[in-house]
Amino acid sequence: MAEKEQSFKERLKGRMSRIQKPEKKRNPIKKDHSKGIAFLVWSMLGTIVFLSILTILLSVNTRSALNDINAHLVSDEETKEDSDFSVEGAKYFLAGFINEYVNVNSEPERIEERKNNLKSYMVQSSELQDDTHPLYDLSGLEGERILSESTLFDVKEEETYKLFQYRIKMTNRVEWEEEIEVENDDEDEDDKKTEIVKKTDEKEQTLLLNIPVVSENGAFAVAAAPYFSEVYSLKGEITAENEESESAEEYAGEELESLQAFLVDFFERYASESKGELSYMMAEPESLNGAFVLDELLDARIFETKTGFVVNADVRFHEEMTKMPYVINTVMEIENREGNYYVKKMDFE
């Protein structure tokens, strides 16, 4: 039995070995990957566009932030520069200067003392430290000027300095001697008896004292010679800017003599007449209103412009009673209106 089963198995294996198995054939249909590739490409494009937009937004935002920072820094610098100038400190500084400037005595030693004291308040420039500057020239002075009261009136912001305006009350005083007759108590004497009596003339004035002031490192100095003007109403605004002449050469045309005559006439009226009376000659009337008398037109440099003339004038006045000199330097813009000259602007240097 065992031999039969073994023979059967061997015959079965032989038959199985003769059977040929068919080879497996590959599927000719390939999978479609185009949708995946398209999705990948569009995803990349979308990412690039998104990143570009994000970059632009961040750049704009950064630029705006930088602009805000720069504006803030500039504002802080301007505020710091303005805060560096202490008006209260300047007021304390000017109290001493006004006292030295306004109070004047004709005694030679007092004049010399005043000059030295004033120089200590002025900026350190060769012009203002020169003993011959008109600010210190009191030749011809008689009597004295006494400060009665000073009040801060206004502070104006100029390009290179602050202009402090003080309302000044002062008294001009001149003492003089007069010989008078007196009663003779001695009946035996026929001659009349006389004696010398001292008399005093006084005149009170109220003017605006304009003082240009500069500051550096918390200290102060007067930038130019102060000047007087009439006290104006604070309801009005007075603004004037220096204008450069449009011609480098001084005017020498046919109107020169008439312009020079007009300047003399104008400054005579400027010294003696009121602001209202000068309204027909000036766009922004102002005057000394009788506080001073015209002495001399020291210099007048006239330049022609497209609309008229620019005049740089140095003018000397004097106080009538004490003969105290007062020099101003002005820049004027003048028009010729049908044969009449008219001051459009007048500023002080």
C-alpha atoms as a PDB file:
ATOM      1  CA  MET A   1       0.000   0.000   0.000  1.00  0.00           C
ATOM      2  CA  ALA A   2       2.730   2.349   0.820  1.00  0.00           C
ATOM      3  CA  GLU A   3       4.407   1.717  -2.506  1.00  0.00           C
ATOM      4  CA  LYS A   4       1.160   2.436  -4.406  1.00  0.00           C
ATOM      5  CA  GLU A   5       0.639   5.763  -2.595  1.00  0.00           C
ATOM      6  CA  GLN A   6       4.232   6.762  -3.385  1.00  0.00           C
ATOM      7  CA  SER A   7       3.872   5.836  -7.037  1.00  0.00           C
ATOM      8  CA  PHE A   8       0.640   7.859  -7.242  1.00  0.00           C
ATOM      9  CA  LYS A   9       2.326  10.950  -5.797  1.00  0.00           C
ATOM     10  CA  GLU A  10       5.222  10.711  -8.205  1.00  0.00           C
ATOM     11  CA  ARG A  11       2.863  10.428 -11.190  1.00  0.00           C
ATOM     12  CA  LEU A  12       0.933  13.499  -9.925  1.00  0.00           C
ATOM     13  CA  LYS A  13       4.099  15.558  -9.607  1.00  0.00           C
ATOM     14  CA  GLY A  14       5.131  14.587 -13.113  1.00  0.00           C
ATOM     15  CA  ARG A  15       1.829  15.734 -14.550  1.00  0.00           C
ATOM     16  CA  MET A  16       1.953  18.993 -12.634  1.00  0.00           C
ATOM     17  CA  SER A  17       5.436  19.705 -13.925  1.00  0.00           C
ATOM     18  CA  ARG A  18       4.273  19.341 -17.467  1.00  0.00           C
ATOM     19  CA  ILE A  19       1.517  21.961 -17.091  1.00  0.00           C
ATOM     20  CA  GLN A  20       2.782  25.472 -18.370  1.00  0.00           C
ATOM     21  CA  LYS A  21       1.673  28.427 -16.376  1.00  0.00           C
ATOM     22  CA  PRO A  22       0.715  31.515 -18.455  1.00  0.00           C
ATOM     23  CA  GLU A  23       2.883  34.655 -17.893  1.00  0.00           C
ATOM     24  CA  LYS A  24       1.252  37.659 -16.143  1.00  0.00           C
ATOM     25  CA  LYS A  25       0.631  40.551 -18.518  1.00  0.00           C
ATOM     26  CA  ARG A  26       1.119  44.200 -17.361  1.00  0.00           C
ATOM     27  CA  ASN A  27      -1.879  46.534 -17.442  1.00  0.00           C
ATOM     28  CA  PRO A  28      -1.318  48.949 -20.373  1.00  0.00           C
ATOM     29  CA  ILE A  29      -3.506  51.718 -18.775  1.00  0.00           C
ATOM     30  CA  LYS A  30      -1.350  54.278 -16.754  1.00  0.00           C
ATOM     31  CA  LYS A  31      -2.666  56.449 -13.852  1.00  0.00           C
ATOM     32  CA  ASP A  32      -3.390  60.213 -14.658  1.00  0.00           C
ATOM     33  CA  HIS A  33      -1.197  62.509 -12.410  1.00  0.00           C
ATOM     34  CA  SER A  34      -1.961  65.857 -14.232  1.00  0.00           C
ATOM     35  CA  LYS A  35      -4.493  67.087 -11.637  1.00  0.00           C
ATOM     36  CA  GLY A  36      -1.980  66.679  -8.845  1.00  0.00           C
ATOM     37  CA  ILE A  37       0.705  68.483 -10.798  1.00  0.00           C
ATOM     38  CA  ALA A  38      -1.699  71.365 -11.661  1.00  0.00           C
ATOM     39  CA  PHE A  39      -2.750  71.632  -8.024  1.00  0.00           C
ATOM     40  CA  LEU A  40       0.873  71.743  -6.951  1.00  0.00           C
ATOM     41  CA  VAL A  41       1.732  74.457  -9.521  1.00  0.00           C
ATOM     42  CA  TRP A  42      -1.254  76.656  -8.604  1.00  0.00           C
ATOM     43  CA  SER A  43      -0.459  76.212  -4.925  1.00  0.00           C
ATOM     44  CA  MET A  44       3.061  77.432  -5.529  1.00  0.00           C
ATOM     45  CA  LEU A  45       1.815  80.422  -7.570  1.00  0.00           C
ATOM     46  CA  GLY A  46      -0.732  81.287  -4.888  1.00  0.00           C
ATOM     47  CA  THR A  47       1.938  81.095  -2.216  1.00  0.00           C
ATOM     48  CA  ILE A  48       4.248  83.391  -4.222  1.00  0.00           C
ATOM     49  CA  VAL A  49       1.425  85.954  -4.778  1.00  0.00           C
ATOM     50  CA  PHE A  50       0.479  85.840  -1.100  1.00  0.00           C
ATOM     51  CA  LEU A  51       4.056  86.332   0.018  1.00  0.00           C
ATOM     52  CA  SER A  52       4.472  89.236  -2.450  1.00  0.00           C
ATOM     53  CA  ILE A  53       1.362  90.993  -1.157  1.00  0.00           C
ATOM     54  CA  LEU A  54       2.464  90.392   2.436  1.00  0.00           C
ATOM     55  CA  THR A  55       5.892  91.822   1.655  1.00  0.00           C
ATOM     56  CA  ILE A  56       4.369  94.978   0.109  1.00  0.00           C
ATOM     57  CA  LEU A  57       2.042  95.473   3.073  1.00  0.00           C
ATOM     58  CA  LEU A  58       4.896  95.025   5.514  1.00  0.00           C
ATOM     59  CA  SER A  59       7.050  97.489   3.509  1.00  0.00           C
ATOM     60  CA  VAL A  60       4.298 100.126   3.466  1.00  0.00           C
ATOM     61  CA  ASN A  61       3.630  99.642   7.146  1.00  0.00           C
ATOM     62  CA  THR A  62       7.337  99.832   7.957  1.00  0.00           C
ATOM     63  CA  ARG A  63       7.745 103.007   5.886  1.00  0.00           C
ATOM     64  CA  SER A  64       4.735 104.592   7.579  1.00  0.00           C
ATOM     65  CA  ALA A  65       6.118 103.649  10.977  1.00  0.00           C
ATOM     66  CA  LEU A  66       9.510 105.134  10.063  1.00  0.00           C
ATOM     67  CA  ASN A  67       7.836 108.334   8.865  1.00  0.00           C
ATOM     68  CA  ASP A  68       5.921 108.557  12.120  1.00  0.00           C
ATOM     69  CA  ILE A  69       9.116 107.995  14.082  1.00  0.00           C
ATOM     70  CA  ASN A  70      10.997 110.636  12.054  1.00  0.00           C
ATOM     71  CA  ALA A  71       8.166 113.136  12.443  1.00  0.00           C
ATOM     72  CA  HIS A  72       8.090 112.437  16.146  1.00  0.00           C
ATOM     73  CA  LEU A  73      11.859 112.908  16.417  1.00  0.00           C
ATOM     74  CA  VAL A  74      11.718 116.196  14.464  1.00  0.00           C
ATOM     75  CA  SER A  75       8.852 117.387  16.636  1.00  0.00           C
ATOM     76  CA  ASP A  76      10.791 116.410  19.765  1.00  0.00           C
ATOM     77  CA  GLU A  77      13.868 118.291  18.488  1.00  0.00           C
ATOM     78  CA  GLU A  78      11.826 121.426  17.748  1.00  0.00           C
ATOM     79  CA  THR A  79      10.142 121.193  21.136  1.00  0.00           C
ATOM     80  CA  LYS A  80      13.523 120.720  22.806  1.00  0.00           C
ATOM     81  CA  GLU A  81      15.010 123.715  20.972  1.00  0.00           C
ATOM     82  CA  ASP A  82      12.037 125.853  21.959  1.00  0.00           C
ATOM     83  CA  SER A  83      12.150 124.606  25.539  1.00  0.00           C
ATOM     84  CA  ASP A  84      15.866 125.477  25.715  1.00  0.00           C
ATOM     85  CA  PHE A  85      14.890 129.161  25.529  1.00  0.00           C
ATOM     86  CA  SER A  86      13.585 130.142  28.946  1.00  0.00           C
ATOM     87  CA  VAL A  87      11.377 133.222  28.728  1.00  0.00           C
ATOM     88  CA  GLU A  88      11.454 133.565  32.503  1.00  0.00           C
ATOM     89  CA  GLY A  89      15.250 133.446  32.460  1.00  0.00           C
ATOM     90  CA  ALA A  90      15.325 136.029  29.671  1.00  0.00           C
ATOM     91  CA  LYS A  91      13.039 138.322  31.678  1.00  0.00           C
ATOM     92  CA  TYR A  92      15.419 138.148  34.649  1.00  0.00           C
ATOM     93  CA  PHE A  93      18.368 138.842  32.326  1.00  0.00           C
ATOM     94  CA  LEU A  94      16.628 141.783  30.648  1.00  0.00           C
ATOM     95  CA  ALA A  95      15.681 143.428  33.928  1.00  0.00           C
ATOM     96  CA  GLY A  96      19.313 144.369  34.427  1.00  0.00           C
ATOM     97  CA  PHE A  97      19.816 145.340  30.798  1.00  0.00           C
ATOM     98  CA  ILE A  98      16.764 147.646  30.718  1.00  0.00           C
ATOM     99  CA  ASN A  99      17.924 149.349  33.884  1.00  0.00           C
ATOM    100  CA  GLU A 100      21.353 150.026  32.324  1.00  0.00           C
ATOM    101  CA  TYR A 101      19.979 151.059  28.925  1.00  0.00           C
ATOM    102  CA  VAL A 102      17.194 153.421  29.986  1.00  0.00           C
ATOM    103  CA  ASN A 103      18.847 155.102  32.966  1.00  0.00           C
ATOM    104  CA  VAL A 104      21.288 157.694  31.583  1.00  0.00           C
ATOM    105  CA  ASN A 105      23.239 160.422  33.338  1.00  0.00           C
ATOM    106  CA  SER A 106      25.306 163.101  31.604  1.00  0.00           C
ATOM    107  CA  GLU A 107      28.258 162.809  33.997  1.00  0.00           C
ATOM    108  CA  PRO A 108      31.273 161.446  32.037  1.00  0.00           C
ATOM    109  CA  GLU A 109      32.087 158.719  34.549  1.00  0.00           C
ATOM    110  CA  ARG A 110      28.480 157.531  34.551  1.00  0.00           C
ATOM    111  CA  ILE A 111      28.442 157.458  30.723  1.00  0.00           C
ATOM    112  CA  GLU A 112      31.619 155.350  30.687  1.00  0.00           C
ATOM    113  CA  GLU A 113      30.201 153.017  33.331  1.00  0.00           C
ATOM    114  CA  ARG A 114      26.964 152.624  31.349  1.00  0.00           C
ATOM    115  CA  LYS A 115      28.904 151.765  28.164  1.00  0.00           C
ATOM    116  CA  ASN A 116      30.926 149.038  29.883  1.00  0.00           C
ATOM    117  CA  ASN A 117      27.854 147.582  31.553  1.00  0.00           C
ATOM    118  CA  LEU A 118      25.890 147.519  28.294  1.00  0.00           C
ATOM    119  CA  LYS A 119      28.739 145.782  26.453  1.00  0.00           C
ATOM    120  CA  SER A 120      28.569 142.933  28.963  1.00  0.00           C
ATOM    121  CA  TYR A 121      24.963 142.266  27.894  1.00  0.00           C
ATOM    122  CA  MET A 122      25.595 142.372  24.114  1.00  0.00           C
ATOM    123  CA  VAL A 123      26.670 139.480  21.868  1.00  0.00           C
ATOM    124  CA  GLN A 124      30.416 139.151  21.438  1.00  0.00           C
ATOM    125  CA  SER A 125      30.804 140.689  17.981  1.00  0.00           C
ATOM    126  CA  SER A 126      33.369 143.209  16.773  1.00  0.00           C
ATOM    127  CA  GLU A 127      30.560 145.617  15.853  1.00  0.00           C
ATOM    128  CA  LEU A 128      28.683 145.606  19.162  1.00  0.00           C
ATOM    129  CA  GLN A 129      31.839 145.517  21.288  1.00  0.00           C
ATOM    130  CA  ASP A 130      33.241 148.580  19.502  1.00  0.00           C
ATOM    131  CA  ASP A 131      33.292 151.681  21.715  1.00  0.00           C
ATOM    132  CA  THR A 132      32.351 153.834  18.696  1.00  0.00           C
ATOM    133  CA  HIS A 133      29.063 151.998  18.078  1.00  0.00           C
ATOM    134  CA  PRO A 134      26.089 154.444  18.106  1.00  0.00           C
ATOM    135  CA  LEU A 135      24.614 152.468  21.004  1.00  0.00           C
ATOM    136  CA  TYR A 136      27.263 153.952  23.316  1.00  0.00           C
ATOM    137  CA  ASP A 137      27.500 157.427  21.754  1.00  0.00           C
ATOM    138  CA  LEU A 138      25.925 160.022  24.063  1.00  0.00           C
ATOM    139  CA  SER A 139      27.681 163.102  22.745  1.00  0.00           C
ATOM    140  CA  GLY A 140      25.662 166.270  23.293  1.00  0.00           C
ATOM    141  CA  LEU A 141      23.700 164.763  26.184  1.00  0.00           C
ATOM    142  CA  GLU A 142      22.227 167.158  28.711  1.00  0.00           C
ATOM    143  CA  GLY A 143      20.502 166.096  31.896  1.00  0.00           C
ATOM    144  CA  GLU A 144      19.402 162.542  32.569  1.00  0.00           C
ATOM    145  CA  ARG A 145      16.825 159.889  31.759  1.00  0.00           C
ATOM    146  CA  ILE A 146      15.245 157.909  34.577  1.00  0.00           C
ATOM    147  CA  LEU A 147      13.344 154.626  34.314  1.00  0.00           C
ATOM    148  CA  SER A 148      10.006 154.746  36.103  1.00  0.00           C
ATOM    149  CA  GLU A 149       8.421 151.447  35.089  1.00  0.00           C
ATOM    150  CA  SER A 150       8.984 148.514  32.718  1.00  0.00           C
ATOM    151  CA  THR A 151       6.455 145.823  31.820  1.00  0.00           C
ATOM    152  CA  LEU A 152       6.833 142.912  29.416  1.00  0.00           C
ATOM    153  CA  PHE A 153       4.441 143.677  26.572  1.00  0.00           C
ATOM    154  CA  ASP A 154       5.000 140.867  24.047  1.00  0.00           C
ATOM    155  CA  VAL A 155       7.533 138.314  22.806  1.00  0.00           C
ATOM    156  CA  LYS A 156       7.795 137.797  19.050  1.00  0.00           C
ATOM    157  CA  GLU A 157       9.453 134.814  17.369  1.00  0.00           C
ATOM    158  CA  GLU A 158      11.935 135.937  14.723  1.00  0.00           C
ATOM    159  CA  GLU A 159      14.116 133.784  12.475  1.00  0.00           C
ATOM    160  CA  THR A 160      17.322 133.990  14.503  1.00  0.00           C
ATOM    161  CA  TYR A 161      16.204 135.579  17.788  1.00  0.00           C
ATOM    162  CA  LYS A 162      13.258 136.401  20.026  1.00  0.00           C
ATOM    163  CA  LEU A 163      12.118 140.023  20.132  1.00  0.00           C
ATOM    164  CA  PHE A 164      11.164 141.084  23.650  1.00  0.00           C
ATOM    165  CA  GLN A 165       8.957 144.162  23.746  1.00  0.00           C
ATOM    166  CA  TYR A 166       8.735 146.115  26.989  1.00  0.00           C
ATOM    167  CA  ARG A 167       6.358 148.951  27.767  1.00  0.00           C
ATOM    168  CA  ILE A 168       8.652 151.592  29.267  1.00  0.00           C
ATOM    169  CA  LYS A 169       7.724 154.614  31.344  1.00  0.00           C
ATOM    170  CA  MET A 170      10.595 157.038  31.772  1.00  0.00           C
ATOM    171  CA  THR A 171      11.283 160.616  32.764  1.00  0.00           C
ATOM    172  CA  ASN A 172      13.638 162.991  30.944  1.00  0.00           C
ATOM    173  CA  ARG A 173      15.012 165.567  33.343  1.00  0.00           C
ATOM    174  CA  VAL A 174      17.200 168.644  32.768  1.00  0.00           C
ATOM    175  CA  GLU A 175      18.439 170.947  35.512  1.00  0.00           C
ATOM    176  CA  TRP A 176      19.378 174.500  34.643  1.00  0.00           C
ATOM    177  CA  GLU A 177      20.230 177.720  36.407  1.00  0.00           C
ATOM    178  CA  GLU A 178      18.442 181.052  36.178  1.00  0.00           C
ATOM    179  CA  GLU A 179      19.451 184.389  37.600  1.00  0.00           C
ATOM    180  CA  ILE A 180      16.559 186.164  39.304  1.00  0.00           C
ATOM    181  CA  GLU A 181      16.143 189.443  41.135  1.00  0.00           C
ATOM    182  CA  VAL A 182      15.458 189.393  44.832  1.00  0.00           C
ATOM    183  CA  GLU A 183      14.373 192.067  47.243  1.00  0.00           C
ATOM    184  CA  ASN A 184      17.187 194.124  48.746  1.00  0.00           C
ATOM    185  CA  ASP A 185      16.764 194.359  52.512  1.00  0.00           C
ATOM    186  CA  ASP A 186      19.529 196.963  52.810  1.00  0.00           C
ATOM    187  CA  GLU A 187      17.930 200.323  52.113  1.00  0.00           C
ATOM    188  CA  ASP A 188      21.299 202.002  51.790  1.00  0.00           C
ATOM    189  CA  GLU A 189      22.159 200.017  48.696  1.00  0.00           C
ATOM    190  CA  ASP A 190      20.679 201.143  45.405  1.00  0.00           C
ATOM    191  CA  ASP A 191      21.874 198.201  43.347  1.00  0.00           C
ATOM    192  CA  LYS A 192      19.435 195.419  42.707  1.00  0.00           C
ATOM    193  CA  LYS A 193      20.279 192.086  44.238  1.00  0.00           C
ATOM    194  CA  THR A 194      20.230 188.891  42.177  1.00  0.00           C
ATOM    195  CA  GLU A 195      20.794 185.252  42.910  1.00  0.00           C
ATOM    196  CA  ILE A 196      21.159 182.018  40.944  1.00  0.00           C
ATOM    197  CA  VAL A 197      18.278 179.592  41.248  1.00  0.00           C
ATOM    198  CA  LYS A 198      18.365 175.992  40.043  1.00  0.00           C
ATOM    199  CA  LYS A 199      15.350 174.896  38.064  1.00  0.00           C
ATOM    200  CA  THR A 200      14.292 171.528  36.660  1.00  0.00           C
ATOM    201  CA  ASP A 201      12.337 170.601  33.552  1.00  0.00           C
ATOM    202  CA  GLU A 202      10.797 167.144  33.363  1.00  0.00           C
ATOM    203  CA  LYS A 203       9.018 165.235  30.644  1.00  0.00           C
ATOM    204  CA  GLU A 204       7.449 161.800  31.028  1.00  0.00           C
ATOM    205  CA  GLN A 205       7.272 159.378  28.117  1.00  0.00           C
ATOM    206  CA  THR A 206       5.782 155.938  27.508  1.00  0.00           C
ATOM    207  CA  LEU A 207       7.292 153.926  24.656  1.00  0.00           C
ATOM    208  CA  LEU A 208       7.817 150.359  23.544  1.00  0.00           C
ATOM    209  CA  LEU A 209      11.408 149.159  23.915  1.00  0.00           C
ATOM    210  CA  ASN A 210      12.209 146.370  21.443  1.00  0.00           C
ATOM    211  CA  ILE A 211      15.116 144.088  22.400  1.00  0.00           C
ATOM    212  CA  PRO A 212      16.407 141.223  20.188  1.00  0.00           C
ATOM    213  CA  VAL A 213      17.583 138.346  22.419  1.00  0.00           C
ATOM    214  CA  VAL A 214      19.453 135.109  21.642  1.00  0.00           C
ATOM    215  CA  SER A 215      20.113 132.156  23.934  1.00  0.00           C
ATOM    216  CA  GLU A 216      22.768 129.443  24.090  1.00  0.00           C
ATOM    217  CA  ASN A 217      23.304 126.807  26.784  1.00  0.00           C
ATOM    218  CA  GLY A 218      20.879 128.564  29.105  1.00  0.00           C
ATOM    219  CA  ALA A 219      22.638 131.943  28.846  1.00  0.00           C
ATOM    220  CA  PHE A 220      21.375 135.078  27.093  1.00  0.00           C
ATOM    221  CA  ALA A 221      22.709 138.034  25.106  1.00  0.00           C
ATOM    222  CA  VAL A 222      21.234 141.043  23.316  1.00  0.00           C
ATOM    223  CA  ALA A 223      21.679 140.382  19.588  1.00  0.00           C
ATOM    224  CA  ALA A 224      21.442 143.961  18.278  1.00  0.00           C
ATOM    225  CA  ALA A 225      20.900 147.518  19.420  1.00  0.00           C
ATOM    226  CA  PRO A 226      17.419 147.923  20.956  1.00  0.00           C
ATOM    227  CA  TYR A 227      15.020 150.449  19.480  1.00  0.00           C
ATOM    228  CA  PHE A 228      11.973 152.421  20.605  1.00  0.00           C
ATOM    229  CA  SER A 229       8.569 152.419  18.959  1.00  0.00           C
ATOM    230  CA  GLU A 230       5.079 153.584  19.806  1.00  0.00           C
ATOM    231  CA  VAL A 231       2.995 151.311  22.027  1.00  0.00           C
ATOM    232  CA  TYR A 232       0.500 149.581  19.740  1.00  0.00           C
ATOM    233  CA  SER A 233      -2.784 147.851  20.427  1.00  0.00           C
ATOM    234  CA  LEU A 234      -2.519 144.109  20.987  1.00  0.00           C
ATOM    235  CA  LYS A 235      -5.680 143.680  18.934  1.00  0.00           C
ATOM    236  CA  GLY A 236      -3.615 144.306  15.807  1.00  0.00           C
ATOM    237  CA  GLU A 237      -0.851 142.274  14.189  1.00  0.00           C
ATOM    238  CA  ILE A 238       2.397 143.821  12.949  1.00  0.00           C
ATOM    239  CA  THR A 239       4.570 141.589  10.816  1.00  0.00           C
ATOM    240  CA  ALA A 240       7.456 142.620   8.628  1.00  0.00           C
ATOM    241  CA  GLU A 241      10.173 140.641   6.930  1.00  0.00           C
ATOM    242  CA  ASN A 242      13.344 141.967   5.425  1.00  0.00           C
ATOM    243  CA  GLU A 243      13.421 141.683   1.656  1.00  0.00           C
ATOM    244  CA  GLU A 244      16.627 141.430  -0.284  1.00  0.00           C
ATOM    245  CA  SER A 245      17.074 143.971  -3.015  1.00  0.00           C
ATOM    246  CA  GLU A 246      16.625 142.630  -6.506  1.00  0.00           C
ATOM    247  CA  SER A 247      19.560 144.667  -7.776  1.00  0.00           C
ATOM    248  CA  ALA A 248      23.147 144.469  -6.557  1.00  0.00           C
ATOM    249  CA  GLU A 249      23.797 148.086  -7.529  1.00  0.00           C
ATOM    250  CA  GLU A 250      22.382 151.121  -5.776  1.00  0.00           C
ATOM    251  CA  TYR A 251      19.752 153.107  -7.637  1.00  0.00           C
ATOM    252  CA  ALA A 252      21.017 156.211  -9.424  1.00  0.00           C
ATOM    253  CA  GLY A 253      18.041 157.021 -11.663  1.00  0.00           C
ATOM    254  CA  GLU A 254      15.971 160.139 -12.144  1.00  0.00           C
ATOM    255  CA  GLU A 255      13.896 159.575  -8.977  1.00  0.00           C
ATOM    256  CA  LEU A 256      16.925 159.562  -6.669  1.00  0.00           C
ATOM    257  CA  GLU A 257      16.644 163.174  -5.476  1.00  0.00           C
ATOM    258  CA  SER A 258      12.887 162.973  -4.950  1.00  0.00           C
ATOM    259  CA  LEU A 259      13.304 159.720  -3.008  1.00  0.00           C
ATOM    260  CA  GLN A 260      15.944 161.287  -0.747  1.00  0.00           C
ATOM    261  CA  ALA A 261      13.700 164.302  -0.138  1.00  0.00           C
ATOM    262  CA  PHE A 262      10.800 161.973   0.673  1.00  0.00           C
ATOM    263  CA  LEU A 263      12.910 160.073   3.215  1.00  0.00           C
ATOM    264  CA  VAL A 264      13.834 163.258   5.087  1.00  0.00           C
ATOM    265  CA  ASP A 265      10.207 164.404   5.100  1.00  0.00           C
ATOM    266  CA  PHE A 266       8.999 160.960   6.153  1.00  0.00           C
ATOM    267  CA  PHE A 267      11.353 160.651   9.119  1.00  0.00           C
ATOM    268  CA  GLU A 268      10.518 164.180  10.278  1.00  0.00           C
ATOM    269  CA  ARG A 269       6.866 163.154  10.349  1.00  0.00           C
ATOM    270  CA  TYR A 270       7.726 159.736  11.804  1.00  0.00           C
ATOM    271  CA  ALA A 271       9.379 161.490  14.749  1.00  0.00           C
ATOM    272  CA  SER A 272       6.788 164.194  15.368  1.00  0.00           C
ATOM    273  CA  GLU A 273       3.384 162.974  14.198  1.00  0.00           C
ATOM    274  CA  SER A 274       1.077 160.296  15.569  1.00  0.00           C
ATOM    275  CA  LYS A 275       0.484 156.899  14.058  1.00  0.00           C
ATOM    276  CA  GLY A 276      -2.926 157.988  12.760  1.00  0.00           C
ATOM    277  CA  GLU A 277      -1.456 160.988  10.953  1.00  0.00           C
ATOM    278  CA  LEU A 278       1.002 158.708   9.142  1.00  0.00           C
ATOM    279  CA  SER A 279      -1.682 156.376   7.801  1.00  0.00           C
ATOM    280  CA  TYR A 280      -1.604 158.062   4.381  1.00  0.00           C
ATOM    281  CA  MET A 281       2.135 157.405   4.093  1.00  0.00           C
ATOM    282  CA  MET A 282       2.400 153.864   5.487  1.00  0.00           C
ATOM    283  CA  ALA A 283       0.578 150.566   5.060  1.00  0.00           C
ATOM    284  CA  GLU A 284       1.240 149.729   8.729  1.00  0.00           C
ATOM    285  CA  PRO A 285       1.483 153.128  10.437  1.00  0.00           C
ATOM    286  CA  GLU A 286       3.815 153.586  13.394  1.00  0.00           C
ATOM    287  CA  SER A 287       5.681 156.558  14.789  1.00  0.00           C
ATOM    288  CA  LEU A 288       7.679 157.982  17.671  1.00  0.00           C
ATOM    289  CA  ASN A 289       4.772 160.352  18.340  1.00  0.00           C
ATOM    290  CA  GLY A 290       6.884 163.339  19.371  1.00  0.00           C
ATOM    291  CA  ALA A 291       9.276 161.405  21.616  1.00  0.00           C
ATOM    292  CA  PHE A 292      12.274 162.382  19.449  1.00  0.00           C
ATOM    293  CA  VAL A 293      13.263 164.956  16.843  1.00  0.00           C
ATOM    294  CA  LEU A 294      14.926 164.122  13.529  1.00  0.00           C
ATOM    295  CA  ASP A 295      18.617 164.953  13.606  1.00  0.00           C
ATOM    296  CA  GLU A 296      19.987 163.631  10.342  1.00  0.00           C
ATOM    297  CA  LEU A 297      19.525 161.009   7.658  1.00  0.00           C
ATOM    298  CA  LEU A 298      22.946 159.417   8.092  1.00  0.00           C
ATOM    299  CA  ASP A 299      22.825 157.069   5.133  1.00  0.00           C
ATOM    300  CA  ALA A 300      20.268 155.831   2.607  1.00  0.00           C
ATOM    301  CA  ARG A 301      21.053 152.946   0.249  1.00  0.00           C
ATOM    302  CA  ILE A 302      18.347 152.724  -2.398  1.00  0.00           C
ATOM    303  CA  PHE A 303      17.779 149.673  -4.612  1.00  0.00           C
ATOM    304  CA  GLU A 304      15.255 149.405  -7.438  1.00  0.00           C
ATOM    305  CA  THR A 305      12.883 146.411  -7.510  1.00  0.00           C
ATOM    306  CA  LYS A 306      10.135 145.245  -9.853  1.00  0.00           C
ATOM    307  CA  THR A 307       7.469 146.935  -7.727  1.00  0.00           C
ATOM    308  CA  GLY A 308       9.338 150.004  -6.467  1.00  0.00           C
ATOM    309  CA  PHE A 309      12.333 150.488  -4.192  1.00  0.00           C
ATOM    310  CA  VAL A 310      13.987 148.942  -1.155  1.00  0.00           C
ATOM    311  CA  VAL A 311      15.753 151.453   1.100  1.00  0.00           C
ATOM    312  CA  ASN A 312      18.278 150.698   3.833  1.00  0.00           C
ATOM    313  CA  ALA A 313      18.339 153.847   5.946  1.00  0.00           C
ATOM    314  CA  ASP A 314      20.384 154.855   8.997  1.00  0.00           C
ATOM    315  CA  VAL A 315      18.660 157.693  10.811  1.00  0.00           C
ATOM    316  CA  ARG A 316      19.661 159.688  13.881  1.00  0.00           C
ATOM    317  CA  PHE A 317      17.148 161.389  16.163  1.00  0.00           C
ATOM    318  CA  HIS A 318      17.582 163.162  19.495  1.00  0.00           C
ATOM    319  CA  GLU A 319      15.392 163.733  22.503  1.00  0.00           C
ATOM    320  CA  GLU A 320      14.342 167.377  22.391  1.00  0.00           C
ATOM    321  CA  MET A 321      15.015 168.307  25.982  1.00  0.00           C
ATOM    322  CA  THR A 322      18.082 166.255  26.891  1.00  0.00           C
ATOM    323  CA  LYS A 323      19.529 166.174  23.327  1.00  0.00           C
ATOM    324  CA  MET A 324      20.109 162.444  23.834  1.00  0.00           C
ATOM    325  CA  PRO A 325      20.898 160.839  20.439  1.00  0.00           C
ATOM    326  CA  TYR A 326      18.945 157.844  19.159  1.00  0.00           C
ATOM    327  CA  VAL A 327      19.978 155.974  15.982  1.00  0.00           C
ATOM    328  CA  ILE A 328      17.836 153.474  14.076  1.00  0.00           C
ATOM    329  CA  ASN A 329      18.590 151.223  11.093  1.00  0.00           C
ATOM    330  CA  THR A 330      15.581 150.511   8.899  1.00  0.00           C
ATOM    331  CA  VAL A 331      14.703 148.487   5.825  1.00  0.00           C
ATOM    332  CA  MET A 332      11.812 150.015   3.887  1.00  0.00           C
ATOM    333  CA  GLU A 333       9.823 148.906   0.870  1.00  0.00           C
ATOM    334  CA  ILE A 334       8.581 151.977  -0.997  1.00  0.00           C
ATOM    335  CA  GLU A 335       6.196 152.344  -3.928  1.00  0.00           C
ATOM    336  CA  ASN A 336       5.579 155.289  -6.238  1.00  0.00           C
ATOM    337  CA  ARG A 337       1.824 155.777  -6.408  1.00  0.00           C
ATOM    338  CA  GLU A 338       1.027 158.372  -9.051  1.00  0.00           C
ATOM    339  CA  GLY A 339       3.894 160.611  -7.987  1.00  0.00           C
ATOM    340  CA  ASN A 340       3.485 160.031  -4.244  1.00  0.00           C
ATOM    341  CA  TYR A 341       5.752 157.653  -2.361  1.00  0.00           C
ATOM    342  CA  TYR A 342       4.191 155.110  -0.017  1.00  0.00           C
ATOM    343  CA  VAL A 343       5.907 152.892   2.592  1.00  0.00           C
ATOM    344  CA  LYS A 344       4.559 149.373   2.141  1.00  0.00           C
ATOM    345  CA  LYS A 345       6.803 147.842   4.813  1.00  0.00           C
ATOM    346  CA  MET A 346       9.192 149.143   7.410  1.00  0.00           C
ATOM    347  CA  ASP A 347      11.403 146.923   9.523  1.00  0.00           C
ATOM    348  CA  PHE A 348      14.304 147.493  11.891  1.00  0.00           C
ATOM    349  CA  GLU A 349      17.736 145.879  11.793  1.00  0.00           C
END
